Amino acid sequence: MRILLIEDDTTLGAAVRDQIATDGQSVDWVTRLDAAGDAVKATSYDLILLDLMLPDGRGIGFLKGLRVRGDVTPVIILTALDQVSDRIEGLNAGADDYLVKPFDLAELSARIGSVARRYSGNPNPIVTHGPLDIDLAARSVHRDGRPVPLTAREWALFEAFLARPGQLLSKAQLEEKLYAFDAEVESNTIEVHVSRLRKKLGSAVIETERGMGYRLGKP
């Protein structure tokens, strides 16, 4: 997934950024609403993590603006505001979840996964694809009953295909899922990860449309 983190606390922001990266997801981190506005205009995000109290305004206004424009990107609010009225305001403004600071980073990862699954149309974390048994919450794959270890990048790429079964994904789209906008991307990165996934999960798990992209293979 490509995630936008809007958080001005540098200590917390760094911790959340590192947690998301460890999970194998791509994250862009900004500390102001004006930078966040520029980011959503330039990039299509899978999820937004939004602080409510920022140097140049309140996150609620930013969230309302997204929804008014018809932007349905899932949003999880991260805030120290813990009153019931604050939660109600955030959810009514269009947030998908609300997490009060301080929070456990593992819980944040779980909430990100839960919201992402709801938006992909399959809230069930258990997926079967041919000989593969996949636990999206545990980030684990078994092939014919045997565990298959995947790196964080391999998992993130495989998860992108699982979220869009049958859909052709271009190399550029896949690169966006794996890397933040300031990251160096080698030209053959996607090809290398696809090759590794095929070796681990089966040669037919990912299909290639030459010159166009890749899609999840048929079960």
N, C-alpha and C. Protein backbone atom coordinates (compact mmCIF):
# COMPACT_ATOMS: atom_id res chain seq x y z
N MET A 1 0.84 -1.20 0.00
CA MET A 1 0.00 0.00 0.00
C MET A 1 0.87 1.25 0.00
N ARG A 2 0.34 2.32 -0.53
CA ARG A 2 0.99 3.64 -0.46
C ARG A 2 0.19 4.45 0.56
N ILE A 3 0.86 4.85 1.64
CA ILE A 3 0.19 5.52 2.76
C ILE A 3 0.73 6.92 2.94
N LEU A 4 -0.16 7.87 3.20
CA LEU A 4 0.24 9.24 3.52
C LEU A 4 0.08 9.45 5.02
N LEU A 5 1.16 9.82 5.68
CA LEU A 5 1.16 10.12 7.11
C LEU A 5 1.24 11.62 7.30
N ILE A 6 0.23 12.18 7.99
CA ILE A 6 0.19 13.62 8.27
C ILE A 6 0.32 13.79 9.78
N GLU A 7 1.53 14.12 10.24
CA GLU A 7 1.83 14.16 11.67
C GLU A 7 2.99 15.11 11.92
N ASP A 8 2.79 16.09 12.82
CA ASP A 8 3.85 17.08 13.07
C ASP A 8 4.76 16.72 14.23
N ASP A 9 4.40 15.73 15.04
CA ASP A 9 5.28 15.28 16.11
C ASP A 9 6.37 14.41 15.49
N THR A 10 7.61 14.91 15.50
CA THR A 10 8.68 14.23 14.78
C THR A 10 9.03 12.87 15.39
N THR A 11 8.94 12.76 16.72
CA THR A 11 9.25 11.49 17.36
C THR A 11 8.23 10.42 16.99
N LEU A 12 6.94 10.78 17.14
CA LEU A 12 5.88 9.83 16.80
C LEU A 12 5.87 9.56 15.30
N GLY A 13 6.03 10.61 14.52
CA GLY A 13 6.01 10.44 13.07
C GLY A 13 7.08 9.47 12.59
N ALA A 14 8.28 9.59 13.15
CA ALA A 14 9.37 8.69 12.76
C ALA A 14 9.06 7.25 13.16
N ALA A 15 8.46 7.08 14.35
CA ALA A 15 8.12 5.74 14.82
C ALA A 15 7.06 5.10 13.92
N VAL A 16 6.03 5.88 13.56
CA VAL A 16 4.97 5.36 12.69
C VAL A 16 5.52 5.07 11.30
N ARG A 17 6.32 5.99 10.78
CA ARG A 17 6.93 5.76 9.46
C ARG A 17 7.74 4.47 9.44
N ASP A 18 8.56 4.27 10.46
CA ASP A 18 9.39 3.06 10.51
C ASP A 18 8.55 1.79 10.65
N GLN A 19 7.45 1.88 11.42
CA GLN A 19 6.57 0.74 11.58
C GLN A 19 5.93 0.36 10.25
N ILE A 20 5.46 1.34 9.50
CA ILE A 20 4.83 1.09 8.21
C ILE A 20 5.85 0.49 7.24
N ALA A 21 7.07 1.04 7.25
CA ALA A 21 8.11 0.52 6.38
C ALA A 21 8.47 -0.91 6.74
N THR A 22 8.51 -1.21 8.03
CA THR A 22 8.79 -2.57 8.49
C THR A 22 7.71 -3.53 8.01
N ASP A 23 6.47 -3.05 7.94
CA ASP A 23 5.36 -3.86 7.44
C ASP A 23 5.42 -4.06 5.92
N GLY A 24 6.39 -3.40 5.29
CA GLY A 24 6.54 -3.57 3.85
C GLY A 24 5.74 -2.60 3.01
N GLN A 25 5.15 -1.59 3.65
CA GLN A 25 4.33 -0.62 2.92
C GLN A 25 5.15 0.63 2.61
N SER A 26 4.69 1.39 1.64
CA SER A 26 5.32 2.65 1.27
C SER A 26 4.63 3.79 2.02
N VAL A 27 5.43 4.73 2.55
CA VAL A 27 4.84 5.82 3.32
C VAL A 27 5.49 7.14 2.95
N ASP A 28 4.66 8.17 2.72
CA ASP A 28 5.11 9.54 2.56
C ASP A 28 4.69 10.31 3.81
N TRP A 29 5.61 11.01 4.43
CA TRP A 29 5.34 11.69 5.71
C TRP A 29 5.45 13.19 5.52
N VAL A 30 4.37 13.89 5.86
CA VAL A 30 4.36 15.35 5.84
C VAL A 30 3.92 15.86 7.21
N THR A 31 4.29 17.09 7.53
CA THR A 31 4.02 17.64 8.86
C THR A 31 3.03 18.80 8.84
N ARG A 32 2.57 19.18 7.64
CA ARG A 32 1.64 20.30 7.53
C ARG A 32 0.51 19.95 6.57
N LEU A 33 -0.61 20.63 6.73
CA LEU A 33 -1.76 20.37 5.87
C LEU A 33 -1.54 20.85 4.44
N ASP A 34 -0.80 21.95 4.27
CA ASP A 34 -0.56 22.42 2.91
C ASP A 34 0.27 21.40 2.13
N ALA A 35 1.26 20.79 2.81
CA ALA A 35 2.05 19.75 2.15
C ALA A 35 1.20 18.51 1.88
N ALA A 36 0.27 18.21 2.79
CA ALA A 36 -0.63 17.07 2.60
C ALA A 36 -1.52 17.30 1.38
N GLY A 37 -2.01 18.52 1.24
CA GLY A 37 -2.83 18.84 0.08
C GLY A 37 -2.09 18.65 -1.23
N ASP A 38 -0.83 19.07 -1.25
CA ASP A 38 -0.01 18.88 -2.46
C ASP A 38 0.21 17.39 -2.73
N ALA A 39 0.41 16.63 -1.65
CA ALA A 39 0.68 15.19 -1.81
C ALA A 39 -0.50 14.46 -2.41
N VAL A 40 -1.72 14.73 -1.93
CA VAL A 40 -2.89 14.00 -2.44
C VAL A 40 -3.23 14.42 -3.87
N LYS A 41 -2.80 15.62 -4.27
CA LYS A 41 -3.01 16.03 -5.66
C LYS A 41 -2.05 15.30 -6.60
N ALA A 42 -0.86 14.97 -6.07
CA ALA A 42 0.18 14.38 -6.92
C ALA A 42 0.16 12.86 -6.93
N THR A 43 -0.40 12.24 -5.88
CA THR A 43 -0.29 10.79 -5.72
C THR A 43 -1.63 10.18 -5.32
N SER A 44 -1.89 8.99 -5.81
CA SER A 44 -3.09 8.24 -5.40
C SER A 44 -2.72 7.34 -4.23
N TYR A 45 -3.25 7.66 -3.04
CA TYR A 45 -2.92 6.91 -1.83
C TYR A 45 -3.97 5.84 -1.54
N ASP A 46 -3.52 4.77 -0.89
CA ASP A 46 -4.43 3.71 -0.48
C ASP A 46 -5.01 3.99 0.90
N LEU A 47 -4.34 4.84 1.69
CA LEU A 47 -4.80 5.13 3.04
C LEU A 47 -4.09 6.37 3.56
N ILE A 48 -4.79 7.14 4.40
CA ILE A 48 -4.22 8.35 5.01
C ILE A 48 -4.29 8.23 6.53
N LEU A 49 -3.17 8.53 7.20
CA LEU A 49 -3.12 8.62 8.66
C LEU A 49 -3.06 10.10 9.00
N LEU A 50 -4.06 10.59 9.74
CA LEU A 50 -4.26 12.03 9.91
C LEU A 50 -4.27 12.47 11.36
N ASP A 51 -3.32 13.34 11.73
CA ASP A 51 -3.36 14.01 13.03
C ASP A 51 -4.38 15.15 12.93
N LEU A 52 -5.00 15.49 14.05
CA LEU A 52 -6.03 16.54 14.02
C LEU A 52 -5.51 17.93 14.34
N MET A 53 -4.42 18.02 15.10
CA MET A 53 -3.88 19.32 15.50
C MET A 53 -2.54 19.53 14.81
N LEU A 54 -2.54 20.36 13.76
CA LEU A 54 -1.34 20.58 12.97
C LEU A 54 -0.97 22.06 12.95
N PRO A 55 0.27 22.39 12.63
CA PRO A 55 0.72 23.79 12.73
C PRO A 55 -0.10 24.77 11.90
N ASP A 56 -0.63 24.31 10.76
CA ASP A 56 -1.36 25.23 9.89
C ASP A 56 -2.87 24.94 9.84
N GLY A 57 -3.39 24.26 10.87
CA GLY A 57 -4.84 24.07 10.91
C GLY A 57 -5.25 22.75 11.53
N ARG A 58 -6.56 22.48 11.49
CA ARG A 58 -7.10 21.25 12.07
C ARG A 58 -7.34 20.21 10.98
N GLY A 59 -6.99 18.98 11.31
CA GLY A 59 -7.14 17.90 10.36
C GLY A 59 -8.58 17.64 9.96
N ILE A 60 -9.53 17.98 10.82
CA ILE A 60 -10.95 17.79 10.49
C ILE A 60 -11.33 18.53 9.23
N GLY A 61 -10.85 19.75 9.10
CA GLY A 61 -11.14 20.53 7.90
C GLY A 61 -10.56 19.89 6.65
N PHE A 62 -9.36 19.36 6.78
CA PHE A 62 -8.73 18.66 5.66
C PHE A 62 -9.54 17.44 5.26
N LEU A 63 -9.99 16.67 6.26
CA LEU A 63 -10.79 15.47 6.00
C LEU A 63 -12.11 15.83 5.33
N LYS A 64 -12.79 16.84 5.84
CA LYS A 64 -14.06 17.25 5.24
C LYS A 64 -13.85 17.67 3.78
N GLY A 65 -12.74 18.36 3.53
CA GLY A 65 -12.44 18.79 2.17
C GLY A 65 -12.27 17.62 1.22
N LEU A 66 -11.59 16.57 1.70
CA LEU A 66 -11.44 15.36 0.88
C LEU A 66 -12.80 14.79 0.50
N ARG A 67 -13.66 14.64 1.52
CA ARG A 67 -14.96 14.00 1.28
C ARG A 67 -15.85 14.86 0.39
N VAL A 68 -15.80 16.16 0.55
CA VAL A 68 -16.61 17.06 -0.29
C VAL A 68 -16.21 16.92 -1.75
N ARG A 69 -14.90 16.70 -1.98
CA ARG A 69 -14.41 16.55 -3.36
C ARG A 69 -14.67 15.15 -3.91
N GLY A 70 -15.25 14.27 -3.10
CA GLY A 70 -15.55 12.93 -3.55
C GLY A 70 -14.40 11.96 -3.38
N ASP A 71 -13.36 12.35 -2.65
CA ASP A 71 -12.22 11.48 -2.39
C ASP A 71 -12.61 10.46 -1.32
N VAL A 72 -12.57 9.18 -1.67
CA VAL A 72 -13.00 8.12 -0.74
C VAL A 72 -11.81 7.37 -0.13
N THR A 73 -10.62 7.92 -0.25
CA THR A 73 -9.45 7.29 0.36
C THR A 73 -9.70 7.06 1.85
N PRO A 74 -9.50 5.83 2.34
CA PRO A 74 -9.72 5.59 3.77
C PRO A 74 -8.79 6.43 4.63
N VAL A 75 -9.34 6.92 5.75
CA VAL A 75 -8.60 7.80 6.66
C VAL A 75 -8.70 7.26 8.09
N ILE A 76 -7.55 7.12 8.73
CA ILE A 76 -7.50 6.78 10.15
C ILE A 76 -6.98 8.01 10.89
N ILE A 77 -7.74 8.51 11.84
CA ILE A 77 -7.32 9.66 12.64
C ILE A 77 -6.41 9.19 13.77
N LEU A 78 -5.28 9.89 13.94
CA LEU A 78 -4.35 9.65 15.04
C LEU A 78 -4.27 10.94 15.85
N THR A 79 -4.76 10.93 17.08
CA THR A 79 -4.84 12.18 17.82
C THR A 79 -4.81 11.97 19.32
N ALA A 80 -4.43 13.04 20.02
CA ALA A 80 -4.47 13.02 21.48
C ALA A 80 -5.84 13.42 22.01
N LEU A 81 -6.72 13.88 21.12
CA LEU A 81 -8.07 14.29 21.52
C LEU A 81 -8.89 13.04 21.80
N ASP A 82 -9.22 12.84 23.07
CA ASP A 82 -9.83 11.55 23.45
C ASP A 82 -11.26 11.65 23.96
N GLN A 83 -11.88 12.80 23.81
CA GLN A 83 -13.27 12.94 24.26
C GLN A 83 -14.21 12.24 23.27
N VAL A 84 -15.33 11.77 23.78
CA VAL A 84 -16.31 11.12 22.91
C VAL A 84 -16.76 12.08 21.81
N SER A 85 -16.92 13.34 22.16
CA SER A 85 -17.36 14.33 21.18
C SER A 85 -16.34 14.48 20.05
N ASP A 86 -15.04 14.36 20.37
CA ASP A 86 -14.00 14.43 19.35
C ASP A 86 -14.08 13.23 18.41
N ARG A 87 -14.31 12.04 18.98
CA ARG A 87 -14.44 10.84 18.16
C ARG A 87 -15.64 10.95 17.22
N ILE A 88 -16.76 11.43 17.77
CA ILE A 88 -17.97 11.56 16.97
C ILE A 88 -17.74 12.54 15.82
N GLU A 89 -17.08 13.66 16.12
CA GLU A 89 -16.80 14.66 15.08
C GLU A 89 -15.94 14.05 13.98
N GLY A 90 -14.91 13.30 14.37
CA GLY A 90 -14.02 12.71 13.38
C GLY A 90 -14.72 11.69 12.50
N LEU A 91 -15.49 10.82 13.12
CA LEU A 91 -16.20 9.80 12.35
C LEU A 91 -17.27 10.41 11.46
N ASN A 92 -17.96 11.42 11.97
CA ASN A 92 -19.00 12.08 11.17
C ASN A 92 -18.40 12.87 10.01
N ALA A 93 -17.13 13.27 10.15
CA ALA A 93 -16.47 14.00 9.07
C ALA A 93 -16.01 13.07 7.95
N GLY A 94 -16.06 11.76 8.22
CA GLY A 94 -15.71 10.81 7.18
C GLY A 94 -14.53 9.90 7.48
N ALA A 95 -14.05 9.92 8.75
CA ALA A 95 -12.95 9.02 9.11
C ALA A 95 -13.43 7.58 9.16
N ASP A 96 -12.53 6.66 8.88
CA ASP A 96 -12.86 5.24 8.92
C ASP A 96 -12.48 4.60 10.24
N ASP A 97 -11.57 5.23 10.96
CA ASP A 97 -11.16 4.72 12.27
C ASP A 97 -10.56 5.88 13.05
N TYR A 98 -10.42 5.69 14.35
CA TYR A 98 -9.98 6.77 15.24
C TYR A 98 -9.11 6.15 16.33
N LEU A 99 -7.84 6.53 16.36
CA LEU A 99 -6.89 5.94 17.30
C LEU A 99 -6.32 7.04 18.18
N VAL A 100 -6.45 6.86 19.50
CA VAL A 100 -6.03 7.90 20.45
C VAL A 100 -4.58 7.67 20.87
N LYS A 101 -3.80 8.74 20.87
CA LYS A 101 -2.41 8.71 21.33
C LYS A 101 -2.39 8.67 22.86
N PRO A 102 -1.41 7.99 23.46
CA PRO A 102 -0.42 7.12 22.82
C PRO A 102 -1.04 5.78 22.45
N PHE A 103 -0.55 5.19 21.39
CA PHE A 103 -1.09 3.91 20.94
C PHE A 103 0.06 2.94 20.66
N ASP A 104 -0.27 1.67 20.65
CA ASP A 104 0.71 0.63 20.35
C ASP A 104 0.88 0.54 18.83
N LEU A 105 2.12 0.49 18.36
CA LEU A 105 2.37 0.47 16.93
C LEU A 105 1.83 -0.80 16.26
N ALA A 106 1.85 -1.90 17.01
CA ALA A 106 1.29 -3.14 16.46
C ALA A 106 -0.22 -3.00 16.26
N GLU A 107 -0.89 -2.30 17.17
CA GLU A 107 -2.32 -2.06 17.00
C GLU A 107 -2.58 -1.19 15.77
N LEU A 108 -1.73 -0.19 15.55
CA LEU A 108 -1.88 0.64 14.36
C LEU A 108 -1.77 -0.21 13.10
N SER A 109 -0.79 -1.11 13.05
CA SER A 109 -0.64 -1.99 11.89
C SER A 109 -1.89 -2.82 11.67
N ALA A 110 -2.46 -3.33 12.76
CA ALA A 110 -3.68 -4.14 12.66
C ALA A 110 -4.85 -3.32 12.14
N ARG A 111 -4.98 -2.08 12.60
CA ARG A 111 -6.08 -1.23 12.14
C ARG A 111 -5.91 -0.85 10.68
N ILE A 112 -4.68 -0.59 10.27
CA ILE A 112 -4.42 -0.29 8.86
C ILE A 112 -4.85 -1.47 7.99
N GLY A 113 -4.47 -2.67 8.41
CA GLY A 113 -4.85 -3.86 7.65
C GLY A 113 -6.35 -4.07 7.60
N SER A 114 -7.02 -3.82 8.73
CA SER A 114 -8.46 -4.01 8.80
C SER A 114 -9.20 -3.04 7.87
N VAL A 115 -8.80 -1.77 7.91
CA VAL A 115 -9.45 -0.77 7.05
C VAL A 115 -9.18 -1.08 5.58
N ALA A 116 -7.94 -1.47 5.28
CA ALA A 116 -7.60 -1.79 3.88
C ALA A 116 -8.42 -2.96 3.36
N ARG A 117 -8.62 -3.97 4.20
CA ARG A 117 -9.41 -5.13 3.76
C ARG A 117 -10.87 -4.75 3.51
N ARG A 118 -11.42 -3.90 4.37
CA ARG A 118 -12.81 -3.46 4.16
C ARG A 118 -12.95 -2.75 2.81
N TYR A 119 -11.98 -1.92 2.47
CA TYR A 119 -12.06 -1.16 1.23
C TYR A 119 -11.81 -2.04 0.01
N SER A 120 -11.10 -3.14 0.18
CA SER A 120 -10.87 -4.03 -0.95
C SER A 120 -12.07 -4.93 -1.20
N GLY A 121 -13.06 -4.86 -0.31
CA GLY A 121 -14.28 -5.64 -0.49
C GLY A 121 -14.23 -7.00 0.16
N ASN A 122 -13.16 -7.30 0.91
CA ASN A 122 -13.06 -8.60 1.57
C ASN A 122 -12.55 -8.41 2.99
N PRO A 123 -13.46 -8.18 3.95
CA PRO A 123 -13.02 -7.97 5.33
C PRO A 123 -12.47 -9.22 6.00
N ASN A 124 -12.70 -10.39 5.38
CA ASN A 124 -12.20 -11.64 5.94
C ASN A 124 -10.69 -11.71 5.74
N PRO A 125 -9.90 -11.87 6.81
CA PRO A 125 -8.43 -11.90 6.64
C PRO A 125 -7.91 -13.21 6.06
N ILE A 126 -8.76 -14.24 5.98
CA ILE A 126 -8.33 -15.54 5.47
C ILE A 126 -8.73 -15.68 4.00
N VAL A 127 -7.74 -15.89 3.15
CA VAL A 127 -7.97 -16.00 1.71
C VAL A 127 -7.36 -17.30 1.21
N THR A 128 -8.09 -18.00 0.34
CA THR A 128 -7.55 -19.19 -0.32
C THR A 128 -7.41 -18.91 -1.80
N HIS A 129 -6.23 -19.20 -2.34
CA HIS A 129 -5.98 -18.99 -3.76
C HIS A 129 -5.24 -20.21 -4.29
N GLY A 130 -5.98 -21.13 -4.92
CA GLY A 130 -5.37 -22.37 -5.37
C GLY A 130 -4.77 -23.12 -4.20
N PRO A 131 -3.49 -23.49 -4.28
CA PRO A 131 -2.85 -24.22 -3.18
C PRO A 131 -2.38 -23.33 -2.04
N LEU A 132 -2.69 -22.04 -2.14
CA LEU A 132 -2.20 -21.08 -1.14
C LEU A 132 -3.28 -20.75 -0.12
N ASP A 133 -2.92 -20.81 1.15
CA ASP A 133 -3.76 -20.34 2.24
C ASP A 133 -3.09 -19.10 2.82
N ILE A 134 -3.81 -17.97 2.76
CA ILE A 134 -3.21 -16.68 3.08
C ILE A 134 -3.95 -16.04 4.25
N ASP A 135 -3.19 -15.62 5.24
CA ASP A 135 -3.75 -14.90 6.39
C ASP A 135 -3.28 -13.45 6.28
N LEU A 136 -4.19 -12.57 5.84
CA LEU A 136 -3.82 -11.18 5.61
C LEU A 136 -3.47 -10.46 6.91
N ALA A 137 -4.12 -10.83 7.99
CA ALA A 137 -3.84 -10.18 9.27
C ALA A 137 -2.47 -10.60 9.82
N ALA A 138 -2.18 -11.87 9.73
CA ALA A 138 -0.90 -12.39 10.24
C ALA A 138 0.23 -12.23 9.22
N ARG A 139 -0.11 -11.84 8.00
CA ARG A 139 0.87 -11.69 6.93
C ARG A 139 1.63 -13.01 6.70
N SER A 140 0.88 -14.07 6.58
CA SER A 140 1.50 -15.38 6.41
C SER A 140 0.88 -16.11 5.22
N VAL A 141 1.69 -16.97 4.59
CA VAL A 141 1.24 -17.76 3.45
C VAL A 141 1.67 -19.20 3.66
N HIS A 142 0.75 -20.12 3.39
CA HIS A 142 1.06 -21.55 3.39
C HIS A 142 0.77 -22.09 2.00
N ARG A 143 1.69 -22.88 1.49
CA ARG A 143 1.51 -23.51 0.18
C ARG A 143 1.44 -25.01 0.39
N ASP A 144 0.30 -25.60 0.04
CA ASP A 144 0.07 -27.02 0.28
C ASP A 144 0.34 -27.39 1.73
N GLY A 145 -0.07 -26.49 2.62
CA GLY A 145 0.05 -26.75 4.05
C GLY A 145 1.39 -26.38 4.66
N ARG A 146 2.36 -25.98 3.85
CA ARG A 146 3.69 -25.64 4.36
C ARG A 146 3.89 -24.13 4.35
N PRO A 147 4.45 -23.56 5.43
CA PRO A 147 4.66 -22.12 5.48
C PRO A 147 5.67 -21.66 4.44
N VAL A 148 5.40 -20.49 3.85
CA VAL A 148 6.31 -19.90 2.87
C VAL A 148 6.75 -18.54 3.39
N PRO A 149 8.01 -18.38 3.75
CA PRO A 149 8.47 -17.09 4.25
C PRO A 149 8.61 -16.07 3.12
N LEU A 150 8.02 -14.89 3.33
CA LEU A 150 8.14 -13.80 2.38
C LEU A 150 8.81 -12.61 3.05
N THR A 151 9.64 -11.88 2.32
CA THR A 151 10.19 -10.64 2.83
C THR A 151 9.08 -9.59 2.89
N ALA A 152 9.36 -8.48 3.55
CA ALA A 152 8.36 -7.41 3.66
C ALA A 152 7.97 -6.88 2.30
N ARG A 153 8.94 -6.69 1.40
CA ARG A 153 8.64 -6.20 0.06
C ARG A 153 7.86 -7.22 -0.76
N GLU A 154 8.23 -8.49 -0.64
CA GLU A 154 7.51 -9.54 -1.36
C GLU A 154 6.07 -9.61 -0.89
N TRP A 155 5.86 -9.50 0.41
CA TRP A 155 4.49 -9.53 0.93
C TRP A 155 3.69 -8.33 0.43
N ALA A 156 4.29 -7.14 0.48
CA ALA A 156 3.58 -5.94 0.04
C ALA A 156 3.17 -6.05 -1.42
N LEU A 157 4.04 -6.61 -2.25
CA LEU A 157 3.72 -6.77 -3.67
C LEU A 157 2.61 -7.80 -3.86
N PHE A 158 2.72 -8.93 -3.17
CA PHE A 158 1.70 -9.97 -3.27
C PHE A 158 0.35 -9.45 -2.78
N GLU A 159 0.36 -8.68 -1.70
CA GLU A 159 -0.87 -8.12 -1.14
C GLU A 159 -1.53 -7.17 -2.14
N ALA A 160 -0.72 -6.43 -2.91
CA ALA A 160 -1.28 -5.53 -3.92
C ALA A 160 -2.06 -6.31 -4.98
N PHE A 161 -1.56 -7.49 -5.37
CA PHE A 161 -2.29 -8.32 -6.33
C PHE A 161 -3.55 -8.92 -5.72
N LEU A 162 -3.45 -9.35 -4.46
CA LEU A 162 -4.61 -9.95 -3.79
C LEU A 162 -5.75 -8.95 -3.63
N ALA A 163 -5.40 -7.68 -3.44
CA ALA A 163 -6.42 -6.65 -3.25
C ALA A 163 -7.16 -6.33 -4.55
N ARG A 164 -6.56 -6.70 -5.69
CA ARG A 164 -7.17 -6.40 -7.00
C ARG A 164 -7.15 -7.63 -7.90
N PRO A 165 -7.83 -8.70 -7.50
CA PRO A 165 -7.80 -9.94 -8.28
C PRO A 165 -8.32 -9.73 -9.70
N GLY A 166 -7.54 -10.20 -10.65
CA GLY A 166 -7.94 -10.08 -12.05
C GLY A 166 -7.60 -8.75 -12.69
N GLN A 167 -7.18 -7.77 -11.91
CA GLN A 167 -6.90 -6.44 -12.46
C GLN A 167 -5.45 -6.35 -12.90
N LEU A 168 -5.22 -5.80 -14.07
CA LEU A 168 -3.87 -5.61 -14.58
C LEU A 168 -3.24 -4.40 -13.90
N LEU A 169 -2.07 -4.61 -13.31
CA LEU A 169 -1.35 -3.55 -12.62
C LEU A 169 -0.05 -3.25 -13.36
N SER A 170 0.15 -2.00 -13.70
CA SER A 170 1.36 -1.62 -14.43
C SER A 170 2.57 -1.62 -13.50
N LYS A 171 3.74 -1.63 -14.08
CA LYS A 171 4.97 -1.57 -13.30
C LYS A 171 5.01 -0.30 -12.45
N ALA A 172 4.58 0.82 -13.03
CA ALA A 172 4.57 2.09 -12.29
C ALA A 172 3.62 2.03 -11.11
N GLN A 173 2.44 1.42 -11.29
CA GLN A 173 1.49 1.29 -10.18
C GLN A 173 2.08 0.46 -9.04
N LEU A 174 2.77 -0.60 -9.39
CA LEU A 174 3.36 -1.47 -8.37
C LEU A 174 4.51 -0.77 -7.66
N GLU A 175 5.28 -0.01 -8.40
CA GLU A 175 6.37 0.74 -7.77
C GLU A 175 5.83 1.74 -6.76
N GLU A 176 4.69 2.36 -7.09
CA GLU A 176 4.08 3.31 -6.16
C GLU A 176 3.67 2.64 -4.86
N LYS A 177 3.25 1.37 -4.93
CA LYS A 177 2.83 0.65 -3.73
C LYS A 177 4.01 0.34 -2.82
N LEU A 178 5.20 0.25 -3.40
CA LEU A 178 6.36 -0.21 -2.63
C LEU A 178 7.27 0.91 -2.15
N TYR A 179 7.22 2.07 -2.81
CA TYR A 179 8.23 3.10 -2.51
C TYR A 179 7.60 4.47 -2.28
N ALA A 180 8.18 5.19 -1.33
CA ALA A 180 7.79 6.57 -1.08
C ALA A 180 8.36 7.46 -2.19
N PHE A 181 7.87 8.73 -2.25
CA PHE A 181 8.26 9.56 -3.38
C PHE A 181 9.72 10.00 -3.36
N ASP A 182 10.42 9.82 -2.23
CA ASP A 182 11.82 10.22 -2.17
C ASP A 182 12.76 9.02 -2.22
N ALA A 183 12.22 7.84 -2.54
CA ALA A 183 13.04 6.62 -2.54
C ALA A 183 13.60 6.35 -3.93
N GLU A 184 14.80 5.79 -3.95
CA GLU A 184 15.42 5.39 -5.21
C GLU A 184 14.85 4.04 -5.64
N VAL A 185 14.37 3.96 -6.87
CA VAL A 185 13.78 2.73 -7.38
C VAL A 185 14.63 2.23 -8.55
N GLU A 186 15.19 1.04 -8.42
CA GLU A 186 15.95 0.46 -9.52
C GLU A 186 15.00 -0.03 -10.60
N SER A 187 15.46 0.00 -11.83
CA SER A 187 14.58 -0.26 -12.97
C SER A 187 14.02 -1.69 -12.99
N ASN A 188 14.73 -2.64 -12.40
CA ASN A 188 14.28 -4.03 -12.47
C ASN A 188 13.71 -4.53 -11.14
N THR A 189 13.38 -3.62 -10.22
CA THR A 189 12.93 -4.03 -8.89
C THR A 189 11.68 -4.90 -8.95
N ILE A 190 10.68 -4.48 -9.70
CA ILE A 190 9.42 -5.23 -9.76
C ILE A 190 9.65 -6.60 -10.38
N GLU A 191 10.42 -6.65 -11.45
CA GLU A 191 10.70 -7.94 -12.10
C GLU A 191 11.37 -8.91 -11.13
N VAL A 192 12.30 -8.40 -10.33
CA VAL A 192 13.01 -9.26 -9.38
C VAL A 192 12.06 -9.82 -8.33
N HIS A 193 11.19 -8.96 -7.77
CA HIS A 193 10.25 -9.41 -6.74
C HIS A 193 9.22 -10.37 -7.31
N VAL A 194 8.75 -10.11 -8.53
CA VAL A 194 7.79 -11.01 -9.17
C VAL A 194 8.43 -12.38 -9.38
N SER A 195 9.67 -12.40 -9.82
CA SER A 195 10.37 -13.66 -10.03
C SER A 195 10.50 -14.44 -8.73
N ARG A 196 10.81 -13.75 -7.65
CA ARG A 196 10.96 -14.42 -6.35
C ARG A 196 9.61 -14.97 -5.86
N LEU A 197 8.54 -14.21 -6.07
CA LEU A 197 7.23 -14.69 -5.67
C LEU A 197 6.84 -15.94 -6.45
N ARG A 198 7.15 -15.98 -7.72
CA ARG A 198 6.83 -17.15 -8.53
C ARG A 198 7.60 -18.37 -8.05
N LYS A 199 8.86 -18.18 -7.67
CA LYS A 199 9.66 -19.31 -7.19
C LYS A 199 9.10 -19.85 -5.88
N LYS A 200 8.61 -18.94 -5.02
CA LYS A 200 8.14 -19.35 -3.70
C LYS A 200 6.69 -19.86 -3.72
N LEU A 201 5.84 -19.23 -4.54
CA LEU A 201 4.40 -19.49 -4.48
C LEU A 201 3.86 -20.28 -5.68
N GLY A 202 4.68 -20.42 -6.71
CA GLY A 202 4.23 -21.14 -7.90
C GLY A 202 4.35 -20.25 -9.13
N SER A 203 4.75 -20.84 -10.24
CA SER A 203 5.02 -20.05 -11.44
C SER A 203 3.79 -19.35 -12.00
N ALA A 204 2.59 -19.87 -11.69
CA ALA A 204 1.37 -19.29 -12.24
C ALA A 204 0.71 -18.27 -11.33
N VAL A 205 1.33 -17.97 -10.18
CA VAL A 205 0.68 -17.09 -9.21
C VAL A 205 0.54 -15.67 -9.74
N ILE A 206 1.47 -15.24 -10.60
CA ILE A 206 1.39 -13.90 -11.19
C ILE A 206 1.56 -14.04 -12.70
N GLU A 207 0.63 -13.48 -13.45
CA GLU A 207 0.67 -13.52 -14.90
C GLU A 207 1.27 -12.21 -15.44
N THR A 208 1.96 -12.30 -16.55
CA THR A 208 2.56 -11.14 -17.21
C THR A 208 1.83 -10.82 -18.50
N GLU A 209 1.45 -9.57 -18.66
CA GLU A 209 0.95 -9.08 -19.95
C GLU A 209 2.09 -8.24 -20.52
N ARG A 210 2.80 -8.80 -21.48
CA ARG A 210 4.03 -8.18 -21.96
C ARG A 210 3.81 -6.73 -22.39
N GLY A 211 4.63 -5.85 -21.84
CA GLY A 211 4.56 -4.44 -22.18
C GLY A 211 3.47 -3.68 -21.46
N MET A 212 2.63 -4.39 -20.67
CA MET A 212 1.51 -3.74 -20.01
C MET A 212 1.57 -3.85 -18.48
N GLY A 213 1.90 -5.04 -17.97
CA GLY A 213 1.94 -5.16 -16.52
C GLY A 213 1.73 -6.58 -16.05
N TYR A 214 1.22 -6.70 -14.83
CA TYR A 214 1.05 -8.00 -14.19
C TYR A 214 -0.33 -8.11 -13.55
N ARG A 215 -0.80 -9.34 -13.38
CA ARG A 215 -2.04 -9.57 -12.67
C ARG A 215 -1.94 -10.88 -11.88
N LEU A 216 -2.79 -10.99 -10.86
CA LEU A 216 -2.85 -12.23 -10.08
C LEU A 216 -3.35 -13.35 -10.99
N GLY A 217 -2.63 -14.49 -10.97
CA GLY A 217 -3.02 -15.62 -11.81
C GLY A 217 -4.31 -16.27 -11.30
N LYS A 218 -4.92 -17.06 -12.14
CA LYS A 218 -6.14 -17.76 -11.75
C LYS A 218 -5.81 -18.86 -10.76
N PRO A 219 -6.71 -19.09 -9.77
CA PRO A 219 -6.46 -20.15 -8.76
C PRO A 219 -6.29 -21.52 -9.42
